[in-house]
């Protein structure tokens, strides 16, 4: 393995924990930001919880892949680490859109 390819996974995993716990209020700096979340605090917490869970799963997948295949050389070691994170981001954006289209949650 070259350098520390699992570092992005560890950082994303740690950053996702407060999102899942609902500890991050709406703000312009930290969390999932889309135009749809403006003015709807419940949507903010809901999509950030979902995004945080997906980030944790993606980070764990990347770390597991790096652990399972320690002989991977650059650039494949980086791909195993980063690709799941991009997939998690894309799925979160899709879910954000679908949740927004469905309207406000009931209770």
Protein backbone atom coordinates (compact mmCIF):
# COMPACT_ATOMS: atom_id res chain seq x y z
CA UNK A 1 0.00 0.00 0.00
CA UNK A 2 1.26 3.47 -0.78
CA UNK A 3 1.09 6.09 1.96
CA UNK A 4 -2.12 5.98 3.98
CA UNK A 5 -4.91 5.22 1.51
CA UNK A 6 -7.42 4.49 4.29
CA UNK A 7 -7.07 8.00 5.72
CA UNK A 8 -10.07 9.45 3.81
CA UNK A 9 -12.20 6.57 5.06
CA UNK A 10 -11.25 7.19 8.68
CA UNK A 11 -11.90 10.95 8.38
CA UNK A 12 -15.30 10.38 6.73
CA UNK A 13 -16.23 7.77 9.32
CA UNK A 14 -15.44 10.15 12.18
CA UNK A 15 -17.19 13.08 10.48
CA UNK A 16 -20.33 10.98 9.90
CA UNK A 17 -20.88 10.04 13.54
CA UNK A 18 -22.29 13.43 14.67
CA UNK A 19 -24.56 13.50 11.59
CA UNK A 20 -26.04 10.11 12.43
CA UNK A 21 -26.50 11.14 16.07
CA UNK A 22 -28.39 14.28 15.00
CA UNK A 23 -25.88 16.54 16.75
CA UNK A 24 -25.29 18.90 13.83
CA UNK A 25 -27.88 21.68 13.50
CA UNK A 26 -28.56 23.29 10.12
CA UNK A 27 -25.52 25.36 9.20
CA UNK A 28 -23.62 26.45 6.09
CA UNK A 29 -20.42 24.49 6.85
CA UNK A 30 -21.00 20.89 7.92
CA UNK A 31 -23.51 18.36 6.65
CA UNK A 32 -25.45 17.62 3.48
CA UNK A 33 -26.28 20.86 1.67
CA UNK A 34 -28.88 21.18 -1.04
CA UNK A 35 -31.40 23.88 -1.89
CA UNK A 36 -34.19 21.54 -0.84
CA UNK A 37 -33.15 21.52 2.80
CA UNK A 38 -33.48 25.30 3.27
CA UNK A 39 -36.33 26.15 5.59
CA UNK A 40 -37.06 22.55 6.58
CA UNK A 41 -35.15 21.56 9.68
CA UNK A 42 -36.66 18.07 9.81
CA UNK A 43 -35.43 17.44 6.25
CA UNK A 44 -31.93 18.59 7.32
CA UNK A 45 -31.73 16.08 10.14
CA UNK A 46 -33.31 13.27 8.13
CA UNK A 47 -31.04 13.53 5.08
CA UNK A 48 -27.95 14.10 7.21
CA UNK A 49 -28.74 10.99 9.26
CA UNK A 50 -29.16 8.96 6.06
CA UNK A 51 -26.01 10.45 4.52
CA UNK A 52 -24.06 9.79 7.72
CA UNK A 53 -25.12 6.14 7.76
CA UNK A 54 -24.14 5.76 4.10
CA UNK A 55 -20.77 7.41 4.79
CA UNK A 56 -20.12 5.00 7.65
CA UNK A 57 -20.99 2.04 5.42
CA UNK A 58 -18.84 3.38 2.59
CA UNK A 59 -15.91 4.05 4.91
CA UNK A 60 -16.16 0.57 6.41
CA UNK A 61 -16.33 -0.93 2.90
CA UNK A 62 -13.22 0.97 1.82
CA UNK A 63 -11.29 0.02 4.95
CA UNK A 64 -12.36 -3.61 4.63
CA UNK A 65 -11.25 -3.67 0.99
CA UNK A 66 -7.87 -2.22 1.89
CA UNK A 67 -7.49 -4.73 4.70
CA UNK A 68 -8.54 -7.66 2.49
CA UNK A 69 -6.15 -6.66 -0.31
CA UNK A 70 -3.12 -5.04 1.32
CA UNK A 71 -0.96 -5.80 -1.74
CA UNK A 72 -2.88 -3.34 -3.93
CA UNK A 73 -0.62 -0.75 -5.52
CA UNK A 74 -1.36 2.84 -6.48
CA UNK A 75 -3.86 3.83 -7.95
CA UNK A 76 -5.99 0.80 -7.06
CA UNK A 77 -5.53 1.24 -3.32
CA UNK A 78 -6.93 4.77 -3.60
CA UNK A 79 -9.82 3.58 -5.78
CA UNK A 80 -10.82 0.90 -3.25
CA UNK A 81 -10.88 3.60 -0.59
CA UNK A 82 -12.50 6.50 -2.46
CA UNK A 83 -15.04 4.89 -4.82
CA UNK A 84 -17.40 3.77 -2.01
CA UNK A 85 -17.38 7.33 -0.65
CA UNK A 86 -18.46 8.73 -4.02
CA UNK A 87 -21.16 6.08 -4.29
CA UNK A 88 -22.43 7.08 -0.82
CA UNK A 89 -22.53 10.74 -1.89
CA UNK A 90 -24.45 9.92 -5.07
CA UNK A 91 -26.97 7.75 -3.22
CA UNK A 92 -27.44 10.46 -0.58
CA UNK A 93 -28.16 13.05 -3.28
CA UNK A 94 -30.66 10.71 -4.94
CA UNK A 95 -32.39 10.01 -1.61
CA UNK A 96 -32.44 13.73 -0.82
CA UNK A 97 -34.28 14.35 -4.07
CA UNK A 98 -36.72 11.46 -3.53
CA UNK A 99 -37.47 12.52 0.06
CA UNK A 100 -38.00 16.11 -1.07
CA UNK A 101 -40.36 14.96 -3.85
CA UNK A 102 -42.34 12.86 -1.38
CA UNK A 103 -43.06 15.93 0.75
CA UNK A 104 -42.81 16.49 4.50
CA UNK A 105 -42.62 13.48 6.79
CA UNK A 106 -45.66 12.73 8.90
CA UNK A 107 -44.58 12.97 12.51
